[in-house]
Amino acid sequence: MLRMIKVDKEQRELVARETTIQANDTSTVLGTKKLLAGAIQQLSEGDYSIATSANFVASIEKDMVLNIGQDSTIEIGQKLIEKIGQIKQSVSGAQQQIIAPVVWIGSQEINVAQLMIDTLDIVKELAELTASHTHNNTGEPLNAQAINGTGTKSDNLREKYSPVIG
């Protein structure tokens, strides 16, 4: 059975409508399709796909809740910029990884990770000062070389970590 309808314009007004489609349902709209509703519920027992060859814009006036039963993967070709008005909280049950060639944690001006490098510089300076310090009645400490070696370890750590600190 086939029913074909060709019209220039159609307008319907219904109180309620229920449609059951036994197989596939395809709509082709050459212009813009608008759906205006008090609420929308879409359920799928299989995969659910949305695709566009242009921009995708979603605007939400209130809260957004997204529950994912298993894994989630997001692939972004260039940049991801998040602008959060108040607080961002990220909670992980086992481990959180931030992997990048350079890491910046802090404000626009201050990278808190730089504190590690600054601390290593101070440790080196303290080791050098301690190794070379003297008292009126003694010379340098007997373990001055070992103390200076601690400063060298600080240099090695600085060399290791400074490339990833922005």
Protein backbone atom coordinates (compact mmCIF):
# COMPACT_ATOMS: atom_id res chain seq x y z
CA MET A 1 0.00 0.00 0.00
CA LEU A 2 1.40 3.41 -0.96
CA ARG A 3 0.00 6.82 -0.23
CA MET A 4 1.67 9.77 -1.94
CA ILE A 5 0.84 13.37 -1.06
CA LYS A 6 2.19 16.40 -2.95
CA VAL A 7 1.18 19.83 -1.72
CA ASP A 8 2.68 23.31 -1.60
CA LYS A 9 1.69 23.95 2.01
CA GLU A 10 0.14 21.93 4.82
CA GLN A 11 -1.16 23.09 8.17
CA ARG A 12 -2.56 20.81 10.85
CA GLU A 13 -3.90 21.47 14.31
CA LEU A 14 -4.27 18.53 16.67
CA VAL A 15 -4.91 18.06 20.36
CA ALA A 16 -2.80 14.89 20.54
CA ARG A 17 -1.09 12.66 18.01
CA GLU A 18 0.44 9.22 18.27
CA THR A 19 2.25 7.54 15.39
CA THR A 20 3.64 4.01 15.19
CA ILE A 21 6.03 3.23 12.38
CA GLN A 22 6.72 -0.47 11.84
CA ALA A 23 10.05 0.01 10.01
CA ASN A 24 12.34 2.95 9.15
CA ASP A 25 11.28 6.61 9.16
CA THR A 26 13.21 9.09 7.03
CA SER A 27 12.54 12.81 6.68
CA THR A 28 14.39 14.95 4.17
CA VAL A 29 14.11 18.68 4.73
CA LEU A 30 15.81 20.87 2.15
CA GLY A 31 15.31 24.02 4.20
CA THR A 32 15.38 24.48 7.97
CA LYS A 33 13.51 22.13 10.29
CA LYS A 34 12.19 23.62 13.53
CA LEU A 35 10.74 21.68 16.41
CA LEU A 36 9.09 23.80 19.08
CA ALA A 37 7.85 21.89 22.11
CA GLY A 38 7.21 22.30 25.82
CA ALA A 39 9.58 19.38 26.43
CA ILE A 40 11.31 16.80 24.23
CA GLN A 41 12.07 13.19 25.08
CA GLN A 42 13.99 11.03 22.65
CA LEU A 43 14.71 7.42 23.54
CA SER A 44 16.70 4.89 21.57
CA GLU A 45 17.27 1.20 22.26
CA GLY A 46 20.19 1.25 19.82
CA ASP A 47 22.84 3.80 18.88
CA TYR A 48 21.95 7.50 18.80
CA SER A 49 23.91 9.67 16.39
CA ILE A 50 23.93 13.39 15.70
CA ALA A 51 26.18 14.83 13.00
CA THR A 52 26.66 18.16 11.28
CA SER A 53 29.05 19.39 8.62
CA ALA A 54 28.86 22.89 10.12
CA ASN A 55 28.76 24.24 13.68
CA PHE A 56 26.95 22.55 16.58
CA VAL A 57 25.50 24.97 19.13
CA ALA A 58 23.64 23.95 22.28
CA SER A 59 22.27 26.50 24.73
CA ILE A 60 20.93 25.46 28.13
CA GLU A 61 19.23 27.97 30.42
CA LYS A 62 19.35 25.81 33.57
CA ASP A 63 21.27 22.68 34.62
CA MET A 64 22.72 19.94 32.43
CA VAL A 65 23.02 16.39 33.72
CA LEU A 66 24.91 13.86 31.64
CA ASN A 67 25.03 10.26 32.86
CA ILE A 68 27.30 7.88 30.95
CA GLY A 69 27.15 4.20 31.88
CA GLN A 70 30.64 3.29 30.64
CA ASP A 71 33.40 5.22 28.85
CA SER A 72 33.40 8.64 27.20
CA THR A 73 35.90 9.87 24.61
CA ILE A 74 36.08 13.39 23.23
CA GLU A 75 38.39 14.16 20.31
CA ILE A 76 38.97 17.82 19.52
CA GLY A 77 40.97 18.86 16.47
CA GLN A 78 42.41 22.11 17.84
CA LYS A 79 41.57 23.78 21.18
CA LEU A 80 39.22 23.17 24.09
CA ILE A 81 38.46 26.28 26.12
CA GLU A 82 36.27 25.94 29.20
CA LYS A 83 34.91 29.08 30.85
CA ILE A 84 33.40 28.31 34.22
CA GLY A 85 31.68 31.06 36.19
CA GLN A 86 32.41 29.83 39.70
CA ILE A 87 33.96 26.48 40.64
CA LYS A 88 35.18 23.49 38.67
CA GLN A 89 35.44 20.26 40.61
CA SER A 90 36.91 17.14 39.08
CA VAL A 91 36.63 13.94 41.14
CA SER A 92 38.21 10.67 40.08
CA GLY A 93 37.78 7.33 41.85
CA ALA A 94 41.24 5.92 41.07
CA GLN A 95 43.57 8.30 39.23
CA GLN A 96 43.59 11.59 37.36
CA GLN A 97 46.09 12.19 34.59
CA ILE A 98 47.04 15.49 32.99
CA ILE A 99 49.36 14.67 30.11
CA ALA A 100 50.87 17.41 27.95
CA PRO A 101 54.28 18.57 26.76
CA VAL A 102 53.94 21.62 29.07
CA VAL A 103 51.66 21.93 32.12
CA TRP A 104 50.38 25.20 33.61
CA ILE A 105 48.50 25.19 36.90
CA GLY A 106 47.52 28.50 38.45
CA SER A 107 46.45 31.97 37.40
CA GLN A 108 47.17 33.86 34.17
CA GLU A 109 50.40 35.19 35.68
CA ILE A 110 51.60 32.50 38.10
CA ASN A 111 52.25 28.83 37.36
CA VAL A 112 52.11 27.00 40.70
CA ALA A 113 54.16 24.16 39.20
CA GLN A 114 57.04 26.67 38.94
CA LEU A 115 57.17 26.38 42.74
CA MET A 116 58.86 22.98 42.30
CA ILE A 117 61.68 24.53 40.24
CA ASP A 118 62.01 27.46 42.65
CA THR A 119 62.19 25.05 45.61
CA LEU A 120 64.93 23.04 43.89
CA ASP A 121 66.91 26.26 43.38
CA ILE A 122 66.59 27.07 47.09
CA VAL A 123 67.60 23.51 48.07
CA LYS A 124 70.71 23.85 45.91
CA GLU A 125 71.55 27.22 47.44
CA LEU A 126 71.06 25.84 50.97
CA ALA A 127 73.30 22.87 50.16
CA GLU A 128 76.04 25.18 48.86
CA LEU A 129 75.78 27.50 51.87
CA THR A 130 75.76 24.60 54.31
CA ALA A 131 78.75 22.92 52.64
CA SER A 132 80.86 26.08 52.73
CA HIS A 133 79.84 27.47 56.09
CA THR A 134 82.42 27.74 58.84
CA HIS A 135 82.55 28.57 62.52
CA ASN A 136 85.27 30.56 64.31
CA ASN A 137 86.89 27.44 65.70
CA THR A 138 86.34 25.00 62.77
CA GLY A 139 86.75 24.80 59.02
CA GLU A 140 84.20 23.62 56.49
CA PRO A 141 82.08 20.60 57.44
CA LEU A 142 83.76 17.24 57.00
CA ASN A 143 80.93 16.17 54.70
CA ALA A 144 81.00 19.35 52.57
CA GLN A 145 81.37 17.32 49.38
CA ALA A 146 78.28 15.23 50.19
CA ILE A 147 76.31 18.37 51.00
CA ASN A 148 77.34 19.91 47.68
CA GLY A 149 76.30 16.64 46.01
CA THR A 150 72.78 17.29 47.26
CA GLY A 151 72.86 20.56 45.34
CA THR A 152 73.86 18.63 42.21
CA LYS A 153 70.86 16.34 42.69
CA SER A 154 68.72 19.47 42.80
CA ASP A 155 70.21 20.56 39.45
CA ASN A 156 69.41 17.15 37.95
CA LEU A 157 65.80 17.36 39.13
CA ARG A 158 65.52 20.90 37.75
CA GLU A 159 66.79 19.71 34.37
CA LYS A 160 64.33 16.80 34.43
CA TYR A 161 61.18 18.74 35.34
CA SER A 162 61.64 22.25 33.93
CA PRO A 163 60.70 21.28 30.33
CA VAL A 164 57.14 20.32 31.37
CA ILE A 165 56.56 23.37 33.54
CA GLY A 166 55.22 26.25 31.44
